[in-house]
Amino acid sequence: MGGMAMIGLSRPEAQGKASGSFLQKRTKKLLSVLDGPADVDAVTPLRVMARRGRSFRLAGWLLPDRDLLAAAELYAFCRMVDDLADEAPDPVLARTELERLRAAIMEPEAAEFPAAVAFLELGVPTDAAALLIDTVLSDIGAVRIATEAELLRYAHGAAGTVGMMMSALLGASAPAARAHAIDLGIAMQLTNIARDVAEDAALDRIYLPACWLPPGTAPQDIRHDPAPVFLAVRRVLHLADAHYRRAEAGFCYLPPRARAAIRSAARLYEAIGTEILAGGTQALAAGTRCAVPQWRRLMIVAGCLWPRAHSPIPPTARHTATA
């Protein structure tokens, strides 16, 4: 908690009487996330987000309560889609369940699927959810990506779709907002790909474009020694950085309170990339998952709560691809 005192999170009253009440409430919510609030265990979607989405959990508590609950519902739905592909006993069952879920979303009057009913109540675009499911279906079995263009198409389907749904959920109704939301989803998915190269290799999946890798690179090679693919990881992070910048240009379309939460989520996720670059190949080793230290996460969120505060991540390109 020393980092919190250093950045002044415990002293919101210093920001002035008018803003103090709001900042105190946000700080209490921020602290409740770190302390593991009891009510998280009482609401399943919040529990899913609290246990499995560190960055989204921390940023999410900056949202108004209604938006937080809706965002947690959407997160739980997307998490379930992933789990149907990754945790089913066999690929046939995984495909069957995902196709059943897709049908329930697109033809709700003809299906009985509780998860689909809960999703439809959110009122977000069903075409985005259908594309998400189609993309996850492509993850069943071995995965190989040939080119950068193919990588971006995959990232769009896997997470640009989530950006579209979250944008609608938070009331960003301007037509221009959609493209920026897609950019943020793509950036986050590229960060995931950079972080999880060894974990994905264990599932016979290589999302790094083959044209960026040493010829003949196989999943077992990556798990044994990720050093030869580190340059490709740097290129993925460089690509992600461009999408984070485009996404940031669209935060103005969000309602003010949602803006701080989404900016926090973006910068928390982007910070994973800087941790990977700082850790080098050790950050990619099998059995490890690169994470942002808690003190740094708190500083990032503080920088989003108080715009005048210096951001721990400068608003210039963070990742540089080198030959």
C-alpha atoms as a PDB file:
ATOM      1  CA  MET A   1       0.000   0.000   0.000  1.00  0.00           C
ATOM      2  CA  GLY A   2       3.052   2.283   0.123  1.00  0.00           C
ATOM      3  CA  GLY A   3       2.603   3.148  -3.536  1.00  0.00           C
ATOM      4  CA  MET A   4      -0.904   4.376  -2.852  1.00  0.00           C
ATOM      5  CA  ALA A   5       0.294   6.845  -0.235  1.00  0.00           C
ATOM      6  CA  MET A   6       3.028   8.014  -2.574  1.00  0.00           C
ATOM      7  CA  ILE A   7       0.604   8.915  -5.352  1.00  0.00           C
ATOM      8  CA  GLY A   8      -1.960  10.385  -2.961  1.00  0.00           C
ATOM      9  CA  LEU A   9      -4.814   7.939  -3.409  1.00  0.00           C
ATOM     10  CA  SER A  10      -5.531   8.140   0.303  1.00  0.00           C
ATOM     11  CA  ARG A  11      -5.975  11.925   0.111  1.00  0.00           C
ATOM     12  CA  PRO A  12      -8.709  12.688  -2.446  1.00  0.00           C
ATOM     13  CA  GLU A  13      -9.861  15.657  -0.378  1.00  0.00           C
ATOM     14  CA  ALA A  14      -6.753  17.488  -1.531  1.00  0.00           C
ATOM     15  CA  GLN A  15      -8.285  17.699  -5.001  1.00  0.00           C
ATOM     16  CA  GLY A  16     -10.890  20.151  -3.747  1.00  0.00           C
ATOM     17  CA  LYS A  17     -14.281  19.970  -2.119  1.00  0.00           C
ATOM     18  CA  ALA A  18     -16.257  19.728  -5.362  1.00  0.00           C
ATOM     19  CA  SER A  19     -14.353  16.755  -6.717  1.00  0.00           C
ATOM     20  CA  GLY A  20     -13.447  15.226  -3.354  1.00  0.00           C
ATOM     21  CA  SER A  21     -16.706  13.335  -2.876  1.00  0.00           C
ATOM     22  CA  PHE A  22     -16.475  11.674  -6.282  1.00  0.00           C
ATOM     23  CA  LEU A  23     -12.805  10.801  -5.853  1.00  0.00           C
ATOM     24  CA  GLN A  24     -13.408   9.396  -2.386  1.00  0.00           C
ATOM     25  CA  LYS A  25     -16.096   7.097  -3.756  1.00  0.00           C
ATOM     26  CA  ARG A  26     -13.846   5.952  -6.607  1.00  0.00           C
ATOM     27  CA  THR A  27     -10.990   5.362  -4.172  1.00  0.00           C
ATOM     28  CA  LYS A  28     -13.208   3.265  -1.891  1.00  0.00           C
ATOM     29  CA  LYS A  29     -14.218   1.154  -4.867  1.00  0.00           C
ATOM     30  CA  LEU A  30     -10.582   0.819  -5.911  1.00  0.00           C
ATOM     31  CA  LEU A  31      -9.616  -0.305  -2.419  1.00  0.00           C
ATOM     32  CA  SER A  32     -12.523  -2.741  -2.268  1.00  0.00           C
ATOM     33  CA  VAL A  33     -11.215  -4.481  -5.387  1.00  0.00           C
ATOM     34  CA  LEU A  34      -7.813  -5.032  -3.811  1.00  0.00           C
ATOM     35  CA  ASP A  35      -9.318  -6.168  -0.515  1.00  0.00           C
ATOM     36  CA  GLY A  36     -11.646  -8.737  -2.142  1.00  0.00           C
ATOM     37  CA  PRO A  37     -15.119  -7.407  -1.299  1.00  0.00           C
ATOM     38  CA  ALA A  38     -17.571  -9.910   0.121  1.00  0.00           C
ATOM     39  CA  ASP A  39     -20.284  -9.022  -2.361  1.00  0.00           C
ATOM     40  CA  VAL A  40     -18.121 -10.209  -5.269  1.00  0.00           C
ATOM     41  CA  ASP A  41     -18.769 -13.791  -4.161  1.00  0.00           C
ATOM     42  CA  ALA A  42     -22.492 -13.172  -4.177  1.00  0.00           C
ATOM     43  CA  VAL A  43     -22.759 -12.270  -7.882  1.00  0.00           C
ATOM     44  CA  THR A  44     -21.445 -14.838 -10.336  1.00  0.00           C
ATOM     45  CA  PRO A  45     -20.425 -12.489 -13.206  1.00  0.00           C
ATOM     46  CA  LEU A  46     -18.543 -10.229 -10.804  1.00  0.00           C
ATOM     47  CA  ARG A  47     -16.831 -13.263  -9.315  1.00  0.00           C
ATOM     48  CA  VAL A  48     -15.733 -14.412 -12.770  1.00  0.00           C
ATOM     49  CA  MET A  49     -14.270 -10.993 -13.566  1.00  0.00           C
ATOM     50  CA  ALA A  50     -12.656 -10.623 -10.145  1.00  0.00           C
ATOM     51  CA  ARG A  51     -10.906 -13.997 -10.352  1.00  0.00           C
ATOM     52  CA  ARG A  52      -9.970 -14.154 -14.009  1.00  0.00           C
ATOM     53  CA  GLY A  53      -9.626 -10.606 -15.293  1.00  0.00           C
ATOM     54  CA  ARG A  54      -7.103  -8.657 -13.211  1.00  0.00           C
ATOM     55  CA  SER A  55      -6.964  -5.621 -15.493  1.00  0.00           C
ATOM     56  CA  PHE A  56     -10.694  -5.545 -16.199  1.00  0.00           C
ATOM     57  CA  ARG A  57     -11.494  -6.054 -12.518  1.00  0.00           C
ATOM     58  CA  LEU A  58      -9.437  -3.077 -11.400  1.00  0.00           C
ATOM     59  CA  ALA A  59     -10.610  -0.771 -14.186  1.00  0.00           C
ATOM     60  CA  GLY A  60     -14.202  -1.978 -13.901  1.00  0.00           C
ATOM     61  CA  TRP A  61     -14.630  -0.643 -10.400  1.00  0.00           C
ATOM     62  CA  LEU A  62     -14.327   2.865 -11.802  1.00  0.00           C
ATOM     63  CA  LEU A  63     -17.641   2.335 -13.613  1.00  0.00           C
ATOM     64  CA  PRO A  64     -21.035   3.241 -12.193  1.00  0.00           C
ATOM     65  CA  ASP A  65     -22.562   0.211 -10.485  1.00  0.00           C
ATOM     66  CA  ARG A  66     -25.072  -0.496 -13.254  1.00  0.00           C
ATOM     67  CA  ASP A  67     -22.385  -0.396 -15.938  1.00  0.00           C
ATOM     68  CA  LEU A  68     -20.069  -2.514 -13.806  1.00  0.00           C
ATOM     69  CA  LEU A  69     -22.663  -5.268 -13.468  1.00  0.00           C
ATOM     70  CA  ALA A  70     -23.420  -5.186 -17.194  1.00  0.00           C
ATOM     71  CA  ALA A  71     -19.713  -5.229 -18.073  1.00  0.00           C
ATOM     72  CA  ALA A  72     -19.212  -8.184 -15.734  1.00  0.00           C
ATOM     73  CA  GLU A  73     -22.073 -10.024 -17.465  1.00  0.00           C
ATOM     74  CA  LEU A  74     -20.447  -9.421 -20.847  1.00  0.00           C
ATOM     75  CA  TYR A  75     -17.029 -10.464 -19.543  1.00  0.00           C
ATOM     76  CA  ALA A  76     -18.492 -13.679 -18.099  1.00  0.00           C
ATOM     77  CA  PHE A  77     -20.182 -14.448 -21.412  1.00  0.00           C
ATOM     78  CA  CYS A  78     -16.956 -13.967 -23.382  1.00  0.00           C
ATOM     79  CA  ARG A  79     -15.044 -16.005 -20.812  1.00  0.00           C
ATOM     80  CA  MET A  80     -17.580 -18.818 -21.179  1.00  0.00           C
ATOM     81  CA  VAL A  81     -17.156 -18.807 -24.962  1.00  0.00           C
ATOM     82  CA  ASP A  82     -13.394 -19.241 -24.527  1.00  0.00           C
ATOM     83  CA  ASP A  83     -13.850 -21.976 -21.937  1.00  0.00           C
ATOM     84  CA  LEU A  84     -16.211 -23.940 -24.164  1.00  0.00           C
ATOM     85  CA  ALA A  85     -13.369 -24.204 -26.683  1.00  0.00           C
ATOM     86  CA  ASP A  86     -10.496 -24.726 -24.256  1.00  0.00           C
ATOM     87  CA  GLU A  87     -11.970 -26.889 -21.502  1.00  0.00           C
ATOM     88  CA  ALA A  88     -14.402 -29.236 -23.258  1.00  0.00           C
ATOM     89  CA  PRO A  89     -13.430 -32.947 -22.920  1.00  0.00           C
ATOM     90  CA  ASP A  90     -13.178 -33.308 -26.694  1.00  0.00           C
ATOM     91  CA  PRO A  91     -13.223 -31.064 -29.792  1.00  0.00           C
ATOM     92  CA  VAL A  92     -16.527 -32.459 -31.055  1.00  0.00           C
ATOM     93  CA  LEU A  93     -18.325 -31.474 -27.848  1.00  0.00           C
ATOM     94  CA  ALA A  94     -16.670 -28.045 -27.881  1.00  0.00           C
ATOM     95  CA  ARG A  95     -17.847 -27.396 -31.426  1.00  0.00           C
ATOM     96  CA  THR A  96     -21.345 -28.660 -30.668  1.00  0.00           C
ATOM     97  CA  GLU A  97     -21.756 -26.427 -27.618  1.00  0.00           C
ATOM     98  CA  LEU A  98     -20.403 -23.336 -29.363  1.00  0.00           C
ATOM     99  CA  GLU A  99     -22.662 -23.853 -32.363  1.00  0.00           C
ATOM    100  CA  ARG A 100     -25.608 -24.348 -30.021  1.00  0.00           C
ATOM    101  CA  LEU A 101     -24.790 -21.089 -28.258  1.00  0.00           C
ATOM    102  CA  ARG A 102     -24.448 -19.255 -31.561  1.00  0.00           C
ATOM    103  CA  ALA A 103     -27.844 -20.501 -32.711  1.00  0.00           C
ATOM    104  CA  ALA A 104     -29.417 -19.426 -29.421  1.00  0.00           C
ATOM    105  CA  ILE A 105     -28.084 -15.898 -29.876  1.00  0.00           C
ATOM    106  CA  MET A 106     -29.107 -15.540 -33.504  1.00  0.00           C
ATOM    107  CA  GLU A 107     -32.484 -17.297 -33.156  1.00  0.00           C
ATOM    108  CA  PRO A 108     -33.452 -16.792 -29.500  1.00  0.00           C
ATOM    109  CA  GLU A 109     -37.102 -17.732 -29.988  1.00  0.00           C
ATOM    110  CA  ALA A 110     -36.066 -21.231 -31.095  1.00  0.00           C
ATOM    111  CA  ALA A 111     -33.475 -22.018 -28.433  1.00  0.00           C
ATOM    112  CA  GLU A 112     -33.167 -22.721 -24.734  1.00  0.00           C
ATOM    113  CA  PHE A 113     -29.776 -21.621 -23.474  1.00  0.00           C
ATOM    114  CA  PRO A 114     -29.641 -19.600 -20.210  1.00  0.00           C
ATOM    115  CA  ALA A 115     -26.337 -17.982 -21.112  1.00  0.00           C
ATOM    116  CA  ALA A 116     -27.821 -16.736 -24.380  1.00  0.00           C
ATOM    117  CA  VAL A 117     -30.850 -15.304 -22.578  1.00  0.00           C
ATOM    118  CA  ALA A 118     -28.610 -13.394 -20.157  1.00  0.00           C
ATOM    119  CA  PHE A 119     -26.485 -12.127 -23.033  1.00  0.00           C
ATOM    120  CA  LEU A 120     -29.472 -10.957 -25.076  1.00  0.00           C
ATOM    121  CA  GLU A 121     -30.735  -8.937 -22.110  1.00  0.00           C
ATOM    122  CA  LEU A 122     -27.608  -6.764 -22.423  1.00  0.00           C
ATOM    123  CA  GLY A 123     -28.866  -5.400 -25.733  1.00  0.00           C
ATOM    124  CA  VAL A 124     -25.463  -5.456 -27.462  1.00  0.00           C
ATOM    125  CA  PRO A 125     -24.894  -6.357 -31.148  1.00  0.00           C
ATOM    126  CA  THR A 126     -25.583 -10.044 -31.756  1.00  0.00           C
ATOM    127  CA  ASP A 127     -23.574 -10.021 -35.002  1.00  0.00           C
ATOM    128  CA  ALA A 128     -20.471  -9.204 -32.951  1.00  0.00           C
ATOM    129  CA  ALA A 129     -21.152 -12.125 -30.614  1.00  0.00           C
ATOM    130  CA  ALA A 130     -21.693 -14.450 -33.571  1.00  0.00           C
ATOM    131  CA  LEU A 131     -18.348 -13.419 -35.085  1.00  0.00           C
ATOM    132  CA  LEU A 132     -16.676 -13.934 -31.709  1.00  0.00           C
ATOM    133  CA  ILE A 133     -18.031 -17.477 -31.534  1.00  0.00           C
ATOM    134  CA  ASP A 134     -17.025 -18.177 -35.149  1.00  0.00           C
ATOM    135  CA  THR A 135     -13.491 -17.038 -34.335  1.00  0.00           C
ATOM    136  CA  VAL A 136     -13.288 -19.183 -31.221  1.00  0.00           C
ATOM    137  CA  LEU A 137     -14.514 -22.136 -33.274  1.00  0.00           C
ATOM    138  CA  SER A 138     -11.418 -21.670 -35.420  1.00  0.00           C
ATOM    139  CA  ASP A 139      -9.309 -22.150 -32.273  1.00  0.00           C
ATOM    140  CA  ILE A 140     -10.452 -25.747 -31.871  1.00  0.00           C
ATOM    141  CA  GLY A 141      -7.523 -27.910 -32.916  1.00  0.00           C
ATOM    142  CA  ALA A 142      -4.177 -26.752 -34.286  1.00  0.00           C
ATOM    143  CA  VAL A 143      -3.828 -23.057 -35.146  1.00  0.00           C
ATOM    144  CA  ARG A 144      -1.275 -21.473 -37.466  1.00  0.00           C
ATOM    145  CA  ILE A 145      -1.249 -17.863 -38.668  1.00  0.00           C
ATOM    146  CA  ALA A 146       0.503 -17.140 -41.950  1.00  0.00           C
ATOM    147  CA  THR A 147       0.599 -13.356 -42.273  1.00  0.00           C
ATOM    148  CA  GLU A 148       0.092 -10.083 -40.404  1.00  0.00           C
ATOM    149  CA  ALA A 149      -3.209  -9.556 -42.223  1.00  0.00           C
ATOM    150  CA  GLU A 150      -4.435 -12.943 -41.021  1.00  0.00           C
ATOM    151  CA  LEU A 151      -3.324 -12.113 -37.488  1.00  0.00           C
ATOM    152  CA  LEU A 152      -5.321  -8.870 -37.545  1.00  0.00           C
ATOM    153  CA  ARG A 153      -8.416 -10.654 -38.877  1.00  0.00           C
ATOM    154  CA  TYR A 154      -8.143 -13.131 -36.030  1.00  0.00           C
ATOM    155  CA  ALA A 155      -7.665 -10.378 -33.414  1.00  0.00           C
ATOM    156  CA  HIS A 156     -10.688  -8.539 -34.814  1.00  0.00           C
ATOM    157  CA  GLY A 157     -12.865 -11.627 -34.478  1.00  0.00           C
ATOM    158  CA  ALA A 158     -11.530 -12.635 -31.067  1.00  0.00           C
ATOM    159  CA  ALA A 159     -11.572  -9.232 -29.357  1.00  0.00           C
ATOM    160  CA  GLY A 160     -12.467  -6.419 -31.738  1.00  0.00           C
ATOM    161  CA  THR A 161     -15.943  -7.897 -31.441  1.00  0.00           C
ATOM    162  CA  VAL A 162     -15.784  -7.520 -27.666  1.00  0.00           C
ATOM    163  CA  GLY A 163     -14.852  -3.868 -28.128  1.00  0.00           C
ATOM    164  CA  MET A 164     -17.925  -3.406 -30.311  1.00  0.00           C
ATOM    165  CA  MET A 165     -20.169  -4.951 -27.663  1.00  0.00           C
ATOM    166  CA  MET A 166     -18.617  -3.017 -24.776  1.00  0.00           C
ATOM    167  CA  SER A 167     -18.882   0.251 -26.675  1.00  0.00           C
ATOM    168  CA  ALA A 168     -22.607  -0.309 -27.168  1.00  0.00           C
ATOM    169  CA  LEU A 169     -23.007  -1.367 -23.543  1.00  0.00           C
ATOM    170  CA  LEU A 170     -21.451   1.857 -22.269  1.00  0.00           C
ATOM    171  CA  GLY A 171     -23.564   4.102 -24.473  1.00  0.00           C
ATOM    172  CA  ALA A 172     -20.968   5.186 -27.044  1.00  0.00           C
ATOM    173  CA  SER A 173     -23.559   5.607 -29.789  1.00  0.00           C
ATOM    174  CA  ALA A 174     -21.641   7.792 -32.251  1.00  0.00           C
ATOM    175  CA  PRO A 175     -20.918   5.867 -35.462  1.00  0.00           C
ATOM    176  CA  ALA A 176     -17.223   6.790 -35.251  1.00  0.00           C
ATOM    177  CA  ALA A 177     -16.921   5.177 -31.806  1.00  0.00           C
ATOM    178  CA  ARG A 178     -17.242   1.660 -33.206  1.00  0.00           C
ATOM    179  CA  ALA A 179     -13.947   1.726 -35.124  1.00  0.00           C
ATOM    180  CA  HIS A 180     -12.013   2.947 -32.072  1.00  0.00           C
ATOM    181  CA  ALA A 181     -13.606   0.254 -29.897  1.00  0.00           C
ATOM    182  CA  ILE A 182     -12.523  -2.382 -32.409  1.00  0.00           C
ATOM    183  CA  ASP A 183      -8.993  -0.983 -32.304  1.00  0.00           C
ATOM    184  CA  LEU A 184      -8.867  -1.375 -28.536  1.00  0.00           C
ATOM    185  CA  GLY A 185     -10.062  -4.956 -28.720  1.00  0.00           C
ATOM    186  CA  ILE A 186      -7.469  -5.774 -31.370  1.00  0.00           C
ATOM    187  CA  ALA A 187      -4.699  -4.151 -29.312  1.00  0.00           C
ATOM    188  CA  MET A 188      -5.623  -6.155 -26.217  1.00  0.00           C
ATOM    189  CA  GLN A 189      -5.784  -9.409 -28.161  1.00  0.00           C
ATOM    190  CA  LEU A 190      -2.370  -8.766 -29.667  1.00  0.00           C
ATOM    191  CA  THR A 191      -1.059  -8.201 -26.144  1.00  0.00           C
ATOM    192  CA  ASN A 192      -2.571 -11.534 -25.099  1.00  0.00           C
ATOM    193  CA  ILE A 193      -0.886 -13.257 -28.031  1.00  0.00           C
ATOM    194  CA  ALA A 194       2.495 -11.764 -27.121  1.00  0.00           C
ATOM    195  CA  ARG A 195       2.139 -12.779 -23.478  1.00  0.00           C
ATOM    196  CA  ASP A 196       0.797 -16.301 -24.023  1.00  0.00           C
ATOM    197  CA  VAL A 197       3.091 -17.702 -26.720  1.00  0.00           C
ATOM    198  CA  ALA A 198       4.231 -20.659 -24.604  1.00  0.00           C
ATOM    199  CA  GLU A 199       0.765 -21.357 -23.192  1.00  0.00           C
ATOM    200  CA  ASP A 200      -0.725 -21.327 -26.686  1.00  0.00           C
ATOM    201  CA  ALA A 201       2.068 -23.528 -28.008  1.00  0.00           C
ATOM    202  CA  ALA A 202       1.100 -26.147 -25.427  1.00  0.00           C
ATOM    203  CA  LEU A 203      -2.342 -26.196 -27.090  1.00  0.00           C
ATOM    204  CA  ASP A 204      -0.766 -26.568 -30.569  1.00  0.00           C
ATOM    205  CA  ARG A 205      -1.539 -22.943 -31.397  1.00  0.00           C
ATOM    206  CA  ILE A 206       0.889 -20.437 -32.904  1.00  0.00           C
ATOM    207  CA  TYR A 207      -0.628 -17.012 -33.455  1.00  0.00           C
ATOM    208  CA  LEU A 208       2.656 -15.343 -34.359  1.00  0.00           C
ATOM    209  CA  PRO A 209       2.694 -14.979 -38.161  1.00  0.00           C
ATOM    210  CA  ALA A 210       4.789 -17.692 -39.776  1.00  0.00           C
ATOM    211  CA  CYS A 211       6.441 -15.095 -42.005  1.00  0.00           C
ATOM    212  CA  TRP A 212       7.929 -13.493 -38.857  1.00  0.00           C
ATOM    213  CA  LEU A 213       9.326 -16.757 -37.427  1.00  0.00           C
ATOM    214  CA  PRO A 214      12.406 -18.858 -38.134  1.00  0.00           C
ATOM    215  CA  PRO A 215      11.520 -21.424 -40.824  1.00  0.00           C
ATOM    216  CA  GLY A 216      10.006 -24.605 -39.459  1.00  0.00           C
ATOM    217  CA  THR A 217       9.187 -23.231 -35.990  1.00  0.00           C
ATOM    218  CA  ALA A 218       7.007 -25.771 -34.152  1.00  0.00           C
ATOM    219  CA  PRO A 219       5.034 -25.462 -30.894  1.00  0.00           C
ATOM    220  CA  GLN A 220       7.532 -27.627 -29.010  1.00  0.00           C
ATOM    221  CA  ASP A 221      10.341 -25.319 -30.116  1.00  0.00           C
ATOM    222  CA  ILE A 222       8.578 -22.331 -28.576  1.00  0.00           C
ATOM    223  CA  ARG A 223       7.935 -24.148 -25.317  1.00  0.00           C
ATOM    224  CA  HIS A 224      11.527 -25.335 -25.113  1.00  0.00           C
ATOM    225  CA  ASP A 225      13.109 -21.969 -25.912  1.00  0.00           C
ATOM    226  CA  PRO A 226      11.089 -18.836 -26.766  1.00  0.00           C
ATOM    227  CA  ALA A 227      14.203 -16.784 -27.582  1.00  0.00           C
ATOM    228  CA  PRO A 228      14.059 -17.389 -31.372  1.00  0.00           C
ATOM    229  CA  VAL A 229      10.502 -15.991 -31.528  1.00  0.00           C
ATOM    230  CA  PHE A 230      11.108 -12.950 -29.314  1.00  0.00           C
ATOM    231  CA  LEU A 231      11.588 -10.643 -32.293  1.00  0.00           C
ATOM    232  CA  ALA A 232       8.149 -11.709 -33.558  1.00  0.00           C
ATOM    233  CA  VAL A 233       6.723 -10.961 -30.120  1.00  0.00           C
ATOM    234  CA  ARG A 234       8.233  -7.473 -30.289  1.00  0.00           C
ATOM    235  CA  ARG A 235       6.597  -6.957 -33.662  1.00  0.00           C
ATOM    236  CA  VAL A 236       3.229  -8.020 -32.277  1.00  0.00           C
ATOM    237  CA  LEU A 237       3.601  -5.508 -29.444  1.00  0.00           C
ATOM    238  CA  HIS A 238       4.612  -2.807 -31.910  1.00  0.00           C
ATOM    239  CA  LEU A 239       1.469  -3.567 -33.897  1.00  0.00           C
ATOM    240  CA  ALA A 240      -0.592  -3.496 -30.706  1.00  0.00           C
ATOM    241  CA  ASP A 241       0.815  -0.078 -29.853  1.00  0.00           C
ATOM    242  CA  ALA A 242      -0.522   1.406 -33.076  1.00  0.00           C
ATOM    243  CA  HIS A 243      -3.991   0.113 -32.246  1.00  0.00           C
ATOM    244  CA  TYR A 244      -3.816   1.421 -28.658  1.00  0.00           C
ATOM    245  CA  ARG A 245      -3.063   4.876 -30.071  1.00  0.00           C
ATOM    246  CA  ARG A 246      -6.020   4.736 -32.463  1.00  0.00           C
ATOM    247  CA  ALA A 247      -8.264   3.472 -29.682  1.00  0.00           C
ATOM    248  CA  GLU A 248      -7.229   6.297 -27.362  1.00  0.00           C
ATOM    249  CA  ALA A 249      -8.356   8.843 -29.934  1.00  0.00           C
ATOM    250  CA  GLY A 250     -11.882   7.483 -29.504  1.00  0.00           C
ATOM    251  CA  PHE A 251     -12.207   7.690 -25.719  1.00  0.00           C
ATOM    252  CA  CYS A 252     -13.920  11.058 -26.174  1.00  0.00           C
ATOM    253  CA  TYR A 253     -17.018   9.221 -27.453  1.00  0.00           C
ATOM    254  CA  LEU A 254     -17.501   7.508 -24.080  1.00  0.00           C
ATOM    255  CA  PRO A 255     -19.501   8.978 -21.182  1.00  0.00           C
ATOM    256  CA  PRO A 256     -17.088  10.677 -18.731  1.00  0.00           C
ATOM    257  CA  ARG A 257     -17.198   8.020 -15.996  1.00  0.00           C
ATOM    258  CA  ALA A 258     -16.809   5.184 -18.468  1.00  0.00           C
ATOM    259  CA  ARG A 259     -13.931   7.054 -20.099  1.00  0.00           C
ATOM    260  CA  ALA A 260     -11.698   6.747 -17.025  1.00  0.00           C
ATOM    261  CA  ALA A 261     -12.467   3.038 -16.693  1.00  0.00           C
ATOM    262  CA  ILE A 262     -11.749   2.189 -20.322  1.00  0.00           C
ATOM    263  CA  ARG A 263      -8.625   4.333 -20.406  1.00  0.00           C
ATOM    264  CA  SER A 264      -7.454   2.475 -17.291  1.00  0.00           C
ATOM    265  CA  ALA A 265      -8.168  -0.916 -18.826  1.00  0.00           C
ATOM    266  CA  ALA A 266      -6.285   0.042 -21.979  1.00  0.00           C
ATOM    267  CA  ARG A 267      -3.232   1.322 -20.144  1.00  0.00           C
ATOM    268  CA  LEU A 268      -3.182  -1.585 -17.695  1.00  0.00           C
ATOM    269  CA  TYR A 269      -3.231  -3.993 -20.604  1.00  0.00           C
ATOM    270  CA  GLU A 270      -0.649  -2.049 -22.573  1.00  0.00           C
ATOM    271  CA  ALA A 271       1.613  -2.152 -19.534  1.00  0.00           C
ATOM    272  CA  ILE A 272       1.743  -5.946 -19.887  1.00  0.00           C
ATOM    273  CA  GLY A 273       3.616  -5.373 -23.137  1.00  0.00           C
ATOM    274  CA  THR A 274       6.206  -3.127 -21.479  1.00  0.00           C
ATOM    275  CA  GLU A 275       6.704  -5.803 -18.798  1.00  0.00           C
ATOM    276  CA  ILE A 276       7.315  -8.403 -21.510  1.00  0.00           C
ATOM    277  CA  LEU A 277       9.905  -6.202 -23.189  1.00  0.00           C
ATOM    278  CA  ALA A 278      11.596  -5.504 -19.866  1.00  0.00           C
ATOM    279  CA  GLY A 279      11.639  -9.199 -18.932  1.00  0.00           C
ATOM    280  CA  GLY A 280      12.918 -10.435 -22.275  1.00  0.00           C
ATOM    281  CA  THR A 281      12.636 -14.106 -23.126  1.00  0.00           C
ATOM    282  CA  GLN A 282      12.219 -15.008 -19.439  1.00  0.00           C
ATOM    283  CA  ALA A 283       8.819 -13.288 -19.538  1.00  0.00           C
ATOM    284  CA  LEU A 284       7.708 -15.817 -22.165  1.00  0.00           C
ATOM    285  CA  ALA A 285       8.959 -18.967 -20.451  1.00  0.00           C
ATOM    286  CA  ALA A 286       6.571 -21.907 -20.187  1.00  0.00           C
ATOM    287  CA  GLY A 287       4.781 -22.013 -16.843  1.00  0.00           C
ATOM    288  CA  THR A 288       4.997 -18.265 -16.286  1.00  0.00           C
ATOM    289  CA  ARG A 289       2.605 -15.430 -17.114  1.00  0.00           C
ATOM    290  CA  CYS A 290       3.910 -11.898 -17.321  1.00  0.00           C
ATOM    291  CA  ALA A 291       1.955  -9.534 -15.064  1.00  0.00           C
ATOM    292  CA  VAL A 292       2.092  -5.875 -14.077  1.00  0.00           C
ATOM    293  CA  PRO A 293       3.118  -5.303 -10.427  1.00  0.00           C
ATOM    294  CA  GLN A 294       0.332  -4.066  -8.181  1.00  0.00           C
ATOM    295  CA  TRP A 295       2.078  -0.782  -7.368  1.00  0.00           C
ATOM    296  CA  ARG A 296       2.352   0.026 -11.054  1.00  0.00           C
ATOM    297  CA  ARG A 297      -1.262  -0.892 -11.718  1.00  0.00           C
ATOM    298  CA  LEU A 298      -2.325   1.521  -8.989  1.00  0.00           C
ATOM    299  CA  MET A 299      -0.205   4.295 -10.486  1.00  0.00           C
ATOM    300  CA  ILE A 300      -1.736   3.705 -13.911  1.00  0.00           C
ATOM    301  CA  VAL A 301      -5.277   3.885 -12.561  1.00  0.00           C
ATOM    302  CA  ALA A 302      -4.422   6.991 -10.547  1.00  0.00           C
ATOM    303  CA  GLY A 303      -3.165   8.656 -13.702  1.00  0.00           C
ATOM    304  CA  CYS A 304      -6.558   7.990 -15.287  1.00  0.00           C
ATOM    305  CA  LEU A 305      -8.501   9.254 -12.257  1.00  0.00           C
ATOM    306  CA  TRP A 306      -6.554  12.507 -12.142  1.00  0.00           C
ATOM    307  CA  PRO A 307      -5.825  13.591 -15.715  1.00  0.00           C
ATOM    308  CA  ARG A 308      -3.285  16.196 -14.598  1.00  0.00           C
ATOM    309  CA  ALA A 309      -1.208  13.539 -12.893  1.00  0.00           C
ATOM    310  CA  HIS A 310       1.765  12.246 -14.838  1.00  0.00           C
ATOM    311  CA  SER A 311       0.875   8.982 -16.522  1.00  0.00           C
ATOM    312  CA  PRO A 312       3.261   6.070 -15.864  1.00  0.00           C
ATOM    313  CA  ILE A 313       2.991   5.261 -19.585  1.00  0.00           C
ATOM    314  CA  PRO A 314       3.884   8.253 -21.797  1.00  0.00           C
ATOM    315  CA  PRO A 315       1.431   8.991 -24.626  1.00  0.00           C
ATOM    316  CA  THR A 316       4.050   8.207 -27.262  1.00  0.00           C
ATOM    317  CA  ALA A 317       4.949   4.897 -28.883  1.00  0.00           C
ATOM    318  CA  ARG A 318       5.927   2.432 -26.153  1.00  0.00           C
ATOM    319  CA  HIS A 319       7.148  -0.525 -28.156  1.00  0.00           C
ATOM    320  CA  THR A 320       9.853  -0.394 -30.776  1.00  0.00           C
ATOM    321  CA  ALA A 321      10.407  -3.280 -33.168  1.00  0.00           C
ATOM    322  CA  THR A 322      14.074  -3.851 -33.856  1.00  0.00           C
ATOM    323  CA  ALA A 323      15.784  -5.955 -36.461  1.00  0.00           C
END
